[in-house]
Amino acid sequence: MVFPAMWSRYLLHKFNYSVNLTRKNHRIGHIAETQIIDSVWKNLFQGKLTFIHWNKGPEMEPTLAAQGGTLLVRKMPLATPNNVFVGDVLVLKDPEKPDDYLVRRLAAVEGQEMVSTDEKDTSFVLEEDECWVLANNHLLKPKEARDSRTFGPLSISDVIGRVIYSMRSALDHGPVKNSSKGLLSDASVLMVELDVDEMAKRQSDLSSK
């Protein structure tokens, strides 16, 4: 059961999502200025705030399953340090494979100083709109982990969503541990849009491919 207060928060999130998606589409020229209001209302009443993503690989163990798992991802049409936070598990565009996506944890954002444990490396400060992402699996070498230690900072605009729920199997699933701000922000979205049966079906379909 979703309480009225949760529904109110969810609807506010939907409105903010609709506005941000419209702003993004207008900025890149997909809609004209005269279409802005219609676009906001259309995005508000159509679609969900989440999508399902299949992830496989050891990089995010133990948070995510190496053998493959279905993830529920909250969409972020305009990611900024105000809506994605250090500690969040994110889906991002792969900087080395333009048609693919990475799942990594946000470790730092613009304005934060990056200091290496290797004395030969020079410290630096992340510039505006830059972020630093890391794999969870500390047993992997940097090249195996494929994170910012190998490809450097990413633009925060490369973030397409925050992972809010993970399913390893039909019997092993649960919310993903993100930052406290992220968890609070996603609570109503998770309550309204989580469909474990649908995730289990997708898990079966995707794992068999």
Protein backbone atom coordinates (compact mmCIF):
# COMPACT_ATOMS: atom_id res chain seq x y z
CA MET A 1 0.00 0.00 0.00
CA VAL A 2 1.33 3.44 -0.98
CA PHE A 3 0.45 6.17 1.50
CA PRO A 4 -0.84 9.59 0.30
CA ALA A 5 2.37 11.34 1.38
CA MET A 6 4.41 8.92 -0.74
CA TRP A 7 2.11 9.47 -3.71
CA SER A 8 2.58 13.22 -3.35
CA ARG A 9 6.37 12.86 -3.34
CA TYR A 10 6.21 10.49 -6.31
CA LEU A 11 4.07 12.91 -8.34
CA LEU A 12 6.48 15.74 -7.52
CA HIS A 13 9.35 13.56 -8.77
CA LYS A 14 7.38 12.87 -11.97
CA PHE A 15 6.84 16.59 -12.51
CA ASN A 16 10.52 17.38 -11.95
CA TYR A 17 11.49 14.55 -14.30
CA SER A 18 9.11 15.86 -16.95
CA VAL A 19 10.51 19.38 -16.69
CA ASN A 20 14.12 18.18 -16.83
CA LEU A 21 13.47 15.88 -19.79
CA THR A 22 11.75 18.72 -21.63
CA ARG A 23 14.65 21.08 -20.87
CA LYS A 24 17.11 18.51 -22.19
CA ASN A 25 15.14 17.88 -25.38
CA HIS A 26 14.77 21.61 -25.99
CA ARG A 27 18.46 22.22 -25.40
CA ILE A 28 19.52 19.61 -27.96
CA GLY A 29 16.95 20.79 -30.48
CA HIS A 30 14.48 17.90 -30.33
CA ILE A 31 11.55 20.20 -29.51
CA ALA A 32 10.78 23.82 -30.33
CA GLU A 33 10.05 26.49 -27.73
CA THR A 34 6.37 26.41 -28.68
CA GLN A 35 6.25 22.70 -27.76
CA ILE A 36 7.64 23.03 -24.23
CA ILE A 37 4.35 23.13 -22.30
CA ASP A 38 2.83 20.25 -24.28
CA SER A 39 6.01 18.23 -23.75
CA VAL A 40 5.94 18.76 -19.96
CA TRP A 41 2.36 17.50 -19.72
CA LYS A 42 3.00 14.59 -22.08
CA ASN A 43 6.05 13.42 -20.11
CA LEU A 44 4.17 13.85 -16.84
CA PHE A 45 1.36 11.45 -17.74
CA GLN A 46 3.20 8.95 -19.91
CA GLY A 47 5.83 6.40 -18.95
CA LYS A 48 7.69 5.59 -15.77
CA LEU A 49 10.54 7.09 -13.81
CA THR A 50 12.45 3.82 -13.96
CA PHE A 51 13.73 1.27 -16.47
CA ILE A 52 15.15 -2.25 -16.19
CA HIS A 53 18.82 -2.81 -17.02
CA TRP A 54 20.78 -6.07 -17.26
CA ASN A 55 24.27 -5.97 -15.74
CA LYS A 56 26.93 -8.68 -15.76
CA GLY A 57 30.55 -8.77 -14.62
CA PRO A 58 32.69 -8.81 -11.46
CA GLU A 59 33.32 -5.05 -11.29
CA MET A 60 30.52 -4.27 -8.85
CA GLU A 61 30.76 -7.28 -6.56
CA PRO A 62 29.57 -7.76 -3.88
CA THR A 63 26.92 -5.07 -4.41
CA LEU A 64 25.79 -6.58 -7.73
CA ALA A 65 26.00 -10.16 -8.99
CA ALA A 66 28.97 -11.07 -11.18
CA GLN A 67 26.94 -13.78 -12.96
CA GLY A 68 24.39 -11.21 -14.05
CA GLY A 69 21.42 -9.49 -12.52
CA THR A 70 18.42 -7.32 -13.33
CA LEU A 71 18.57 -3.74 -12.06
CA LEU A 72 15.79 -1.23 -11.54
CA VAL A 73 17.21 2.16 -12.51
CA ARG A 74 15.74 5.57 -11.81
CA LYS A 75 16.06 7.80 -14.88
CA MET A 76 18.18 10.95 -14.64
CA PRO A 77 17.66 13.09 -17.77
CA LEU A 78 19.75 15.94 -16.33
CA ALA A 79 22.18 14.57 -13.76
CA THR A 80 23.88 17.18 -11.55
CA PRO A 81 25.55 17.19 -8.09
CA ASN A 82 22.11 18.25 -6.81
CA ASN A 83 20.41 14.95 -7.74
CA VAL A 84 23.19 12.35 -7.85
CA PHE A 85 25.42 12.02 -4.81
CA VAL A 86 28.75 10.52 -3.77
CA GLY A 87 28.06 6.91 -2.81
CA ASP A 88 25.33 6.32 -5.42
CA VAL A 89 25.49 3.35 -7.81
CA LEU A 90 24.97 4.81 -11.28
CA VAL A 91 24.40 3.70 -14.85
CA LEU A 92 26.62 5.74 -17.18
CA LYS A 93 27.56 5.91 -20.83
CA ASP A 94 30.70 3.83 -21.42
CA PRO A 95 33.47 6.27 -22.47
CA GLU A 96 35.30 3.52 -24.37
CA LYS A 97 32.27 1.82 -25.97
CA PRO A 98 29.74 4.46 -27.06
CA ASP A 99 26.89 1.97 -27.54
CA ASP A 100 27.31 0.39 -24.08
CA TYR A 101 26.73 1.37 -20.46
CA LEU A 102 28.72 0.99 -17.26
CA VAL A 103 27.49 0.52 -13.71
CA ARG A 104 29.86 2.16 -11.23
CA ARG A 105 29.72 3.94 -7.86
CA LEU A 106 30.11 7.72 -7.73
CA ALA A 107 33.23 8.55 -5.73
CA ALA A 108 33.66 12.30 -6.24
CA VAL A 109 32.12 15.30 -8.01
CA GLU A 110 33.23 18.73 -9.21
CA GLY A 111 35.36 20.73 -6.81
CA GLN A 112 36.70 17.72 -4.92
CA GLU A 113 40.43 17.03 -4.81
CA MET A 114 41.65 13.67 -6.07
CA VAL A 115 44.73 12.44 -4.21
CA SER A 116 46.48 9.24 -5.32
CA THR A 117 48.10 6.74 -2.97
CA ASP A 118 50.95 6.62 -5.50
CA GLU A 119 53.44 9.42 -4.71
CA LYS A 120 54.36 9.64 -8.42
CA ASP A 121 50.84 10.84 -9.28
CA THR A 122 49.93 14.51 -8.96
CA SER A 123 46.77 15.48 -7.12
CA PHE A 124 44.13 17.47 -8.99
CA VAL A 125 40.68 18.99 -8.49
CA LEU A 126 37.69 17.82 -10.53
CA GLU A 127 36.47 20.60 -12.81
CA GLU A 128 32.90 21.79 -13.29
CA ASP A 129 30.53 18.99 -14.38
CA GLU A 130 33.21 16.32 -13.89
CA CYS A 131 32.79 13.21 -11.73
CA TRP A 132 34.92 10.26 -10.66
CA VAL A 133 33.50 6.73 -10.62
CA LEU A 134 34.90 3.50 -9.19
CA ALA A 135 34.17 -0.21 -9.30
CA ASN A 136 33.14 -1.82 -6.01
CA ASN A 137 35.35 -4.89 -6.34
CA HIS A 138 38.60 -3.96 -4.60
CA LEU A 139 40.21 -7.24 -5.65
CA LEU A 140 40.36 -6.11 -9.29
CA LYS A 141 43.29 -4.21 -10.73
CA PRO A 142 42.46 -0.78 -12.20
CA LYS A 143 42.57 -2.03 -15.82
CA GLU A 144 40.22 -4.89 -14.91
CA ALA A 145 37.88 -2.58 -13.01
CA ARG A 146 37.49 -0.16 -15.96
CA ASP A 147 36.74 2.91 -13.91
CA SER A 148 38.07 6.46 -13.58
CA ARG A 149 41.47 5.15 -12.53
CA THR A 150 41.94 4.06 -16.16
CA PHE A 151 39.79 6.42 -18.24
CA GLY A 152 39.87 9.48 -15.96
CA PRO A 153 37.02 11.82 -14.99
CA LEU A 154 33.67 11.62 -16.77
CA SER A 155 31.14 14.32 -17.50
CA ILE A 156 28.28 14.07 -15.02
CA SER A 157 25.99 14.39 -18.05
CA ASP A 158 27.09 10.83 -18.94
CA VAL A 159 24.97 9.60 -16.01
CA ILE A 160 21.64 8.22 -17.22
CA GLY A 161 20.28 6.81 -13.97
CA ARG A 162 20.71 5.63 -10.39
CA VAL A 163 20.36 1.92 -9.55
CA ILE A 164 17.72 1.57 -6.84
CA TYR A 165 16.97 -2.18 -6.78
CA SER A 166 18.92 -5.30 -7.73
CA MET A 167 17.75 -8.84 -8.48
CA ARG A 168 20.30 -11.66 -8.49
CA SER A 169 17.57 -14.30 -8.69
CA ALA A 170 13.85 -14.62 -8.02
CA LEU A 171 14.74 -15.38 -4.39
CA ASP A 172 17.68 -13.01 -3.94
CA HIS A 173 16.85 -9.34 -4.45
CA GLY A 174 16.61 -6.06 -2.59
CA PRO A 175 17.27 -2.29 -2.58
CA VAL A 176 20.75 -1.09 -3.53
CA LYS A 177 22.70 0.77 -0.85
CA ASN A 178 23.16 4.30 -2.18
CA SER A 179 23.94 7.57 -0.42
CA SER A 180 21.51 8.63 2.31
CA LYS A 181 20.27 11.47 0.07
CA GLY A 182 19.78 9.09 -2.81
CA LEU A 183 17.88 6.58 -0.70
CA LEU A 184 15.60 9.28 0.65
CA SER A 185 14.94 10.72 -2.80
CA ASP A 186 14.17 7.31 -4.32
CA ALA A 187 11.92 5.94 -1.57
CA SER A 188 8.61 6.96 -3.15
CA VAL A 189 9.73 5.96 -6.66
CA LEU A 190 10.71 2.52 -5.41
CA MET A 191 7.44 2.09 -3.52
CA VAL A 192 5.28 3.00 -6.51
CA GLU A 193 7.20 1.48 -9.43
CA LEU A 194 8.88 -1.66 -8.04
CA ASP A 195 7.39 -4.77 -9.66
CA VAL A 196 9.31 -7.82 -8.45
CA ASP A 197 7.33 -10.21 -10.68
CA GLU A 198 8.16 -8.17 -13.78
CA MET A 199 11.84 -8.05 -12.78
CA ALA A 200 11.87 -11.81 -12.24
CA LYS A 201 10.37 -12.35 -15.70
CA ARG A 202 12.96 -10.08 -17.29
CA GLN A 203 15.68 -11.80 -15.26
CA SER A 204 14.62 -15.16 -16.72
CA ASP A 205 14.43 -13.80 -20.26
CA LEU A 206 17.76 -11.98 -20.17
CA SER A 207 19.76 -14.66 -18.38
CA SER A 208 18.72 -17.25 -20.98
CA LYS A 209 20.19 -15.20 -23.86
